[in-house]
Protein backbone atom coordinates (compact mmCIF):
# COMPACT_ATOMS: atom_id res chain seq x y z
CA MET A 1 45.13 69.92 -35.43
CA LYS A 2 47.21 67.79 -36.34
CA THR A 3 47.60 63.84 -35.50
CA GLN A 4 48.40 60.61 -36.92
CA VAL A 5 45.03 59.00 -36.66
CA ALA A 6 41.81 60.20 -36.46
CA ILE A 7 39.17 58.14 -34.88
CA ILE A 8 35.63 58.72 -35.38
CA GLY A 9 33.13 57.21 -32.89
CA GLY A 10 33.73 57.07 -29.37
CA GLY A 11 31.91 53.64 -28.33
CA PRO A 12 34.30 50.58 -27.30
CA ALA A 13 35.57 49.98 -30.51
CA GLY A 14 36.53 53.71 -30.92
CA LEU A 15 38.10 53.95 -27.19
CA MET A 16 39.68 50.53 -27.52
CA LEU A 17 41.36 51.23 -30.77
CA GLY A 18 42.34 54.90 -29.27
CA HIS A 19 44.14 53.06 -25.98
CA SER A 20 45.57 50.49 -28.10
CA LEU A 21 47.47 53.24 -30.12
CA ARG A 22 48.66 55.32 -27.48
CA ALA A 23 50.05 52.18 -25.82
CA GLU A 24 52.21 52.38 -28.91
CA ASN A 25 52.57 56.39 -28.65
CA ILE A 26 51.01 56.85 -31.90
CA GLU A 27 48.97 60.04 -31.89
CA CYS A 28 45.31 60.00 -32.43
CA VAL A 29 42.09 61.78 -31.12
CA VAL A 30 38.61 60.35 -30.98
CA LEU A 31 35.69 62.31 -32.15
CA GLU A 32 32.09 61.41 -30.97
CA ARG A 33 28.63 62.76 -31.71
CA ALA A 34 26.92 62.14 -28.63
CA SER A 35 27.60 63.37 -25.11
CA ALA A 36 29.93 61.72 -22.74
CA GLY A 37 26.80 61.25 -20.58
CA TYR A 38 24.81 59.33 -23.50
CA VAL A 39 27.76 57.40 -24.31
CA LEU A 40 27.47 55.77 -20.78
CA GLY A 41 23.81 55.48 -20.68
CA ARG A 42 23.56 53.09 -23.63
CA ILE A 43 22.50 49.44 -22.63
CA ARG A 44 24.26 46.96 -24.23
CA ALA A 45 25.99 43.39 -24.38
CA GLY A 46 28.14 42.43 -21.52
CA VAL A 47 29.30 38.60 -22.61
CA LEU A 48 33.34 39.12 -23.51
CA GLU A 49 35.36 36.66 -25.12
CA GLN A 50 38.74 35.85 -23.52
CA ARG A 51 40.24 37.11 -26.30
CA THR A 52 38.51 40.87 -25.49
CA THR A 53 39.58 40.44 -21.73
CA ASP A 54 42.89 39.76 -22.73
CA LEU A 55 42.81 42.92 -24.91
CA LEU A 56 41.63 44.90 -21.76
CA ARG A 57 44.48 43.28 -19.67
CA ASP A 58 47.08 44.33 -22.08
CA LEU A 59 46.03 47.90 -22.09
CA GLY A 60 46.04 48.12 -18.36
CA LEU A 61 42.45 48.29 -18.23
CA ASP A 62 41.42 45.12 -16.59
CA GLU A 63 41.20 46.09 -12.91
CA ARG A 64 37.44 46.67 -12.36
CA LEU A 65 36.51 43.56 -14.82
CA ARG A 66 38.82 41.13 -12.77
CA LYS A 67 37.27 42.46 -9.57
CA GLU A 68 33.63 42.73 -10.78
CA GLY A 69 33.45 40.11 -13.69
CA ILE A 70 31.83 37.02 -13.43
CA ARG A 71 33.04 34.02 -15.23
CA GLU A 72 30.72 31.77 -17.14
CA ASP A 73 32.02 28.17 -18.15
CA GLY A 74 28.72 27.41 -20.36
CA PHE A 75 25.79 28.48 -21.23
CA ASN A 76 22.30 26.64 -22.19
CA LEU A 77 19.74 26.09 -24.89
CA ALA A 78 16.19 25.56 -23.39
CA GLU A 79 13.43 23.84 -25.54
CA GLY A 80 10.37 23.99 -23.13
CA ASN A 81 11.19 22.23 -19.94
CA ARG A 82 14.13 20.86 -21.58
CA MET A 83 17.46 22.29 -21.11
CA ILE A 84 20.84 21.63 -23.01
CA ARG A 85 24.11 22.89 -21.42
CA ILE A 86 26.71 23.38 -23.58
CA ASP A 87 29.47 23.09 -21.50
CA VAL A 88 32.29 25.73 -23.10
CA ALA A 89 34.76 25.28 -20.39
CA ASP A 90 35.10 21.64 -20.50
CA LEU A 91 35.05 21.38 -24.19
CA THR A 92 37.34 24.27 -24.91
CA GLY A 93 39.34 24.92 -22.15
CA LYS A 94 37.94 28.81 -22.21
CA HIS A 95 35.64 30.52 -20.36
CA THR A 96 33.51 33.68 -21.14
CA THR A 97 32.93 36.89 -18.56
CA VAL A 98 29.93 38.56 -18.15
CA TYR A 99 30.66 42.66 -17.68
CA GLY A 100 28.48 44.91 -19.07
CA GLN A 101 29.42 47.29 -22.52
CA THR A 102 28.54 50.22 -20.17
CA GLU A 103 31.48 49.10 -17.32
CA ILE A 104 33.52 48.60 -20.19
CA THR A 105 33.04 52.07 -21.89
CA ARG A 106 33.19 53.70 -18.41
CA ASP A 107 37.01 52.03 -17.56
CA LEU A 108 38.03 53.17 -20.92
CA MET A 109 36.80 57.01 -20.30
CA THR A 110 38.01 56.99 -17.34
CA ALA A 111 41.49 56.47 -18.41
CA ALA A 112 41.96 58.18 -21.60
CA PRO A 113 42.90 61.56 -19.79
CA GLU A 114 45.85 60.15 -18.03
CA ARG A 115 46.61 57.78 -21.08
CA GLY A 116 46.84 60.64 -23.41
CA LEU A 117 43.62 60.20 -25.34
CA GLU A 118 41.90 63.01 -26.35
CA ILE A 119 38.32 62.70 -27.06
CA PHE A 120 35.98 65.66 -28.49
CA TYR A 121 32.26 64.75 -27.49
CA GLU A 122 29.22 66.47 -28.66
CA VAL A 123 30.59 66.96 -32.11
CA SER A 124 28.27 67.59 -35.01
CA ASP A 125 28.51 67.50 -39.02
CA VAL A 126 31.69 65.44 -38.95
CA ALA A 127 32.88 65.19 -42.70
CA LEU A 128 35.31 63.08 -44.11
CA HIS A 129 37.94 64.60 -46.80
CA ASP A 130 40.67 63.05 -49.18
CA ILE A 131 40.13 59.52 -47.99
CA ASP A 132 41.90 58.02 -51.23
CA SER A 133 45.01 60.07 -50.22
CA ASP A 134 47.65 60.12 -48.19
CA ALA A 135 46.87 62.98 -46.36
CA PRO A 136 43.45 62.96 -45.16
CA PHE A 137 41.27 65.20 -43.34
CA VAL A 138 37.82 65.36 -41.03
CA THR A 139 36.00 68.20 -40.64
CA PHE A 140 33.64 68.77 -37.60
CA HIS A 141 31.43 71.34 -35.20
CA LYS A 142 31.93 71.76 -31.95
CA ASN A 143 30.06 74.58 -30.37
CA GLY A 144 29.19 76.43 -33.11
CA THR A 145 32.70 76.62 -34.34
CA GLN A 146 34.33 74.33 -37.07
CA HIS A 147 37.49 72.25 -36.64
CA ARG A 148 39.93 70.61 -38.90
CA VAL A 149 41.58 67.45 -38.28
CA ASP A 150 44.62 66.41 -40.44
CA CYS A 151 45.77 63.05 -40.15
CA ARG A 152 47.49 59.92 -41.78
CA PHE A 153 44.45 57.41 -41.47
CA ILE A 154 41.15 57.67 -40.84
CA ALA A 155 39.16 54.89 -38.67
CA GLY A 156 35.66 54.92 -38.79
CA CYS A 157 34.23 53.15 -35.55
CA ASP A 158 30.86 55.16 -35.43
CA GLY A 159 28.39 52.58 -36.28
CA PHE A 160 26.04 51.60 -39.07
CA HIS A 161 24.36 55.30 -39.35
CA GLY A 162 27.79 57.02 -38.82
CA ALA A 163 29.40 59.16 -41.19
CA ALA A 164 32.38 56.68 -42.45
CA ARG A 165 30.46 54.30 -43.80
CA ARG A 166 28.78 56.83 -45.91
CA ALA A 167 32.05 58.30 -46.79
CA MET A 168 33.20 54.30 -48.26
CA PRO A 169 32.15 53.70 -51.73
CA LEU A 170 30.20 50.73 -51.50
CA PRO A 171 29.90 49.09 -54.25
CA PRO A 172 26.44 46.52 -54.12
CA ASP A 173 28.57 43.49 -54.83
CA GLN A 174 30.30 44.27 -51.32
CA VAL A 175 27.51 44.73 -49.08
CA PHE A 176 25.49 41.79 -47.86
CA GLU A 177 22.40 42.33 -45.45
CA ARG A 178 19.32 40.30 -44.02
CA ARG A 179 16.60 41.63 -41.87
CA TYR A 180 15.13 39.67 -39.49
CA PRO A 181 11.20 39.52 -39.07
CA PHE A 182 11.57 40.24 -35.43
CA GLY A 183 13.19 42.27 -32.56
CA TRP A 184 14.25 41.66 -29.27
CA LEU A 185 11.96 43.67 -26.42
CA GLY A 186 14.25 43.25 -23.35
CA ILE A 187 14.28 44.84 -20.01
CA LEU A 188 17.07 45.37 -17.11
CA ALA A 189 15.95 44.78 -13.62
CA ASP A 190 17.63 45.02 -10.41
CA VAL A 191 16.73 41.53 -9.73
CA PRO A 192 18.73 38.44 -8.99
CA PRO A 193 19.03 36.40 -12.06
CA CYS A 194 16.90 32.71 -12.25
CA HIS A 195 19.59 30.98 -13.31
CA ASP A 196 23.60 31.06 -13.21
CA GLU A 197 24.23 30.85 -16.96
CA ILE A 198 22.55 32.24 -19.96
CA VAL A 199 19.73 30.47 -21.27
CA TYR A 200 18.36 30.82 -24.79
CA ALA A 201 14.90 29.74 -25.06
CA ASN A 202 13.14 28.06 -27.93
CA HIS A 203 9.34 28.12 -26.98
CA SER A 204 6.33 27.84 -29.18
CA ARG A 205 5.21 30.86 -28.30
CA GLY A 206 8.52 32.41 -29.20
CA PHE A 207 12.37 32.97 -28.31
CA ALA A 208 13.31 34.24 -24.80
CA LEU A 209 16.85 34.87 -23.34
CA ALA A 210 17.66 35.09 -20.05
CA SER A 211 20.66 36.78 -18.71
CA LYS A 212 22.63 38.20 -16.05
CA ARG A 213 24.47 41.62 -15.41
CA SER A 214 25.51 41.00 -12.17
CA HIS A 215 24.25 38.84 -8.84
CA THR A 216 21.65 41.39 -8.28
CA ARG A 217 21.23 42.78 -11.69
CA SER A 218 19.11 40.87 -14.59
CA ARG A 219 18.82 41.29 -18.50
CA TYR A 220 15.54 39.47 -19.90
CA TYR A 221 14.38 39.28 -23.72
CA ILE A 222 11.83 38.07 -25.60
CA ASP A 223 11.28 38.36 -29.76
CA ILE A 224 8.47 40.29 -30.70
CA PRO A 225 7.06 41.17 -34.13
CA LEU A 226 8.50 44.30 -35.88
CA ASN A 227 4.95 46.12 -35.61
CA GLN A 228 4.52 46.09 -31.80
CA LYS A 229 5.95 48.35 -29.52
CA ILE A 230 7.27 49.25 -26.47
CA GLU A 231 4.06 50.85 -25.21
CA ASP A 232 2.03 47.49 -25.97
CA TRP A 233 4.19 45.85 -23.22
CA GLY A 234 3.66 46.78 -19.76
CA ASP A 235 5.87 45.33 -17.10
CA GLU A 236 3.41 42.92 -15.63
CA ARG A 237 2.77 41.53 -19.48
CA PHE A 238 6.44 41.02 -20.19
CA TRP A 239 7.10 39.22 -16.88
CA ASP A 240 3.91 36.66 -17.97
CA GLU A 241 5.29 36.06 -21.24
CA LEU A 242 8.71 35.69 -20.16
CA CYS A 243 8.03 32.84 -17.33
CA LEU A 244 5.32 31.08 -20.31
CA ARG A 245 8.39 31.12 -22.70
CA LEU A 246 11.55 30.27 -20.13
CA GLY A 247 9.19 27.07 -19.21
CA ARG A 248 7.94 26.03 -15.80
CA ASP A 249 11.65 25.36 -13.90
CA LEU A 250 12.87 28.49 -14.86
CA ALA A 251 9.74 31.01 -14.15
CA ALA A 252 9.73 29.60 -10.65
CA SER A 253 13.58 30.90 -10.32
CA ILE A 254 12.04 34.30 -11.34
CA THR A 255 12.10 37.46 -9.38
CA ARG A 256 9.98 40.17 -10.77
CA GLY A 257 10.48 43.89 -10.52
CA PRO A 258 10.36 47.14 -12.03
CA ALA A 259 12.30 47.87 -15.71
CA ILE A 260 15.41 50.33 -15.72
CA GLU A 261 15.18 50.48 -18.70
CA LYS A 262 13.09 48.55 -21.70
CA SER A 263 13.76 48.72 -25.39
CA ILE A 264 13.55 46.93 -28.68
CA ALA A 265 16.42 45.84 -30.80
CA PRO A 266 15.95 44.88 -34.19
CA LEU A 267 17.63 42.07 -35.35
CA ARG A 268 20.17 42.26 -38.81
CA SER A 269 22.82 40.28 -40.25
CA PHE A 270 25.03 43.09 -42.05
CA VAL A 271 28.59 42.68 -43.66
CA CYS A 272 30.75 45.69 -45.70
CA THR A 273 33.63 43.74 -46.90
CA ALA A 274 34.97 47.00 -48.49
CA MET A 275 36.46 47.86 -45.07
CA ARG A 276 39.25 50.10 -46.36
CA ALA A 277 38.98 52.83 -49.04
CA GLY A 278 42.49 54.40 -49.18
CA SER A 279 43.09 55.84 -46.08
CA LEU A 280 39.87 54.85 -44.35
CA PHE A 281 39.19 51.68 -42.54
CA LEU A 282 35.85 50.69 -40.95
CA ALA A 283 35.82 48.67 -37.73
CA GLY A 284 33.13 47.60 -35.60
CA ASP A 285 29.23 48.02 -36.34
CA ALA A 286 30.57 50.31 -39.11
CA ALA A 287 31.40 47.33 -41.08
CA HIS A 288 29.49 44.53 -39.71
CA ILE A 289 26.54 44.06 -37.82
CA VAL A 290 25.46 40.45 -36.20
CA PRO A 291 22.15 39.63 -34.12
CA PRO A 292 22.69 39.34 -30.66
CA THR A 293 22.40 35.84 -30.67
CA GLY A 294 25.73 34.34 -29.60
CA ALA A 295 26.95 37.99 -27.99
CA LYS A 296 29.61 38.33 -30.68
CA GLY A 297 29.12 41.89 -31.61
CA LEU A 298 31.12 43.69 -29.26
CA ASN A 299 33.60 40.81 -29.41
CA LEU A 300 34.06 40.99 -33.39
CA ALA A 301 34.80 45.44 -32.94
CA ALA A 302 37.62 44.37 -30.36
CA SER A 303 39.33 41.59 -32.59
CA ASP A 304 39.06 44.52 -35.64
CA VAL A 305 40.94 46.90 -33.19
CA ILE A 306 43.35 44.32 -32.35
CA TYR A 307 43.73 43.65 -36.09
CA LEU A 308 43.87 47.51 -37.05
CA ALA A 309 46.09 48.54 -34.30
CA ARG A 310 48.91 46.03 -35.34
CA GLY A 311 48.56 47.18 -38.72
CA LEU A 312 48.60 50.78 -37.79
CA THR A 313 51.78 50.14 -35.49
CA SER A 314 53.60 48.40 -38.14
CA TYR A 315 52.98 51.00 -40.26
CA PHE A 316 54.09 53.73 -37.92
CA ARG A 317 57.05 51.97 -36.29
CA TYR A 318 58.38 50.51 -39.21
CA GLY A 319 57.09 52.22 -42.38
CA GLU A 320 55.51 48.53 -43.46
CA ILE A 321 52.18 48.76 -45.08
CA ASP A 322 51.59 45.19 -45.80
CA GLN A 323 49.67 44.45 -42.46
CA LEU A 324 47.61 47.18 -42.53
CA ALA A 325 46.69 46.33 -46.24
CA ALA A 326 45.63 42.87 -45.17
CA TYR A 327 43.23 44.26 -42.38
CA PRO A 328 39.88 43.79 -44.40
CA GLU A 329 40.70 40.07 -45.75
CA THR A 330 42.17 39.38 -42.40
CA ALA A 331 39.50 40.49 -40.10
CA LEU A 332 36.78 39.41 -42.42
CA LYS A 333 37.81 35.90 -41.95
CA ARG A 334 36.78 36.04 -38.34
CA VAL A 335 33.62 38.45 -39.29
CA TRP A 336 31.91 35.77 -41.58
CA LYS A 337 32.50 32.85 -39.28
CA ALA A 338 30.89 34.78 -36.22
CA SER A 339 27.99 36.01 -38.98
CA ARG A 340 27.45 32.18 -39.92
CA PHE A 341 27.24 31.29 -35.79
CA SER A 342 24.91 34.18 -34.76
CA ALA A 343 22.61 33.53 -38.02
CA SER A 344 22.39 29.73 -37.36
CA LEU A 345 21.81 30.29 -33.42
CA THR A 346 19.06 32.35 -34.43
CA ARG A 347 17.37 30.21 -36.79
CA LEU A 348 17.98 27.46 -34.24
CA MET A 349 15.95 29.04 -31.56
CA HIS A 350 13.58 31.52 -33.07
CA HIS A 351 9.97 31.04 -35.05
CA PHE A 352 9.97 32.68 -38.31
CA PRO A 353 6.98 33.69 -40.25
CA GLY A 354 6.11 31.03 -42.60
CA ASP A 355 7.53 28.09 -40.64
CA THR A 356 5.93 25.06 -41.72
CA ALA A 357 5.39 22.29 -39.26
CA PHE A 358 8.32 20.61 -40.98
CA ASP A 359 10.88 23.54 -39.91
CA ARG A 360 9.61 22.95 -36.20
CA GLN A 361 10.42 19.43 -36.47
CA MET A 362 13.81 20.28 -37.88
CA GLN A 363 14.41 22.84 -35.08
CA ARG A 364 13.60 19.81 -32.57
CA ALA A 365 15.55 17.12 -34.62
CA GLU A 366 18.53 19.83 -34.28
CA LEU A 367 18.22 19.98 -30.71
CA ASP A 368 17.97 16.69 -30.09
CA TYR A 369 21.21 16.25 -32.23
CA ILE A 370 22.98 18.78 -30.04
CA ALA A 371 21.81 17.15 -27.03
CA GLY A 372 23.33 13.97 -27.63
CA SER A 373 26.49 14.79 -29.71
CA ALA A 374 29.85 15.73 -28.04
CA ALA A 375 30.91 16.58 -31.63
CA ALA A 376 28.02 19.22 -31.79
CA GLN A 377 28.40 20.53 -28.68
CA THR A 378 32.07 21.06 -29.41
CA ALA A 379 31.83 23.08 -32.38
CA ILE A 380 28.93 25.37 -30.83
CA ALA A 381 31.22 25.79 -27.72
CA GLU A 382 33.78 26.77 -29.80
CA ASN A 383 32.08 29.19 -31.78
CA TYR A 384 30.86 30.76 -28.83
CA VAL A 385 34.03 31.16 -26.81
CA GLY A 386 35.76 32.99 -29.78
CA LEU A 387 37.54 31.78 -32.68
CA PRO A 388 41.53 32.05 -32.85
CA LEU A 389 42.48 35.26 -34.40
């Protein structure tokens, strides 16, 4: 088959890019390794910057988001029983929206047939060929048969372990990575949230996060050492530890319930500055990963999509290559700033192995400073709500 853009990966980044291109009448196909059901079953973050909700609005795919999304005007940093509220709306004039990544994916998948976005699920052996030419192609197997997609460009939106990143030449000086010495153990439960806004908690026993997916569904996390397993954490042990770390006042508002989903997410900061090689472009987790602290992952993918779609539209509509050629440099400016914010918030709210009493006092001093400084809160709010494109 022939198309203009072959998109590898059918998660939110690949689907948002596909819809953005189809809105400009650019031909594209999406290739996804997993089944549609598996893609929908992934439990991921759900705090959206206005830039992301604006993208979905511009694509005409925000009907459910407008009805079901929950506006949040701020978030909280907690230490013990002290709560520092960052009033994002007052400090920036903007807000975030709680709307699960699963629901975004569902909306994008549901609208695909009527928008002419062709998606091939459950493909295997995806391979990229001739990416350094003007006529690259992709091969894959489906139902035991090999297929070939000839195209002008390939967009790799298939994540850190995907075929696109493996096909990208990666000089050592263009890969930056930090692996954190803990993971986030999270549960999803059909219980009302303990607070109206997200709470990041720094406790002597470790980190905790309280968030919501709806008025009746909550998402909670605690950090644990990397050598621990889900089997080590029964529901009651998790709830007991969460209550300790969130402090007395929030613990009194927690409703316990059975976990719908329980998982451990390792934390990593990763940036591949080689976001383009010839006719191949990377977007989303294929190019960069941030710790979940600060909820930047999905929103960075959305900004990549905006930049890349603009460049591809300029090329196919006007024959201009400059905007597309500038994509890596343009996208990376936002990637590095978001990576800095996520890493710094992670450092502030977690205890690292080897931390000394001095390090702990520095955390407390930083939180004290934030609590009493409008300038510090404004800087945090600006980064949390999303820096300008």
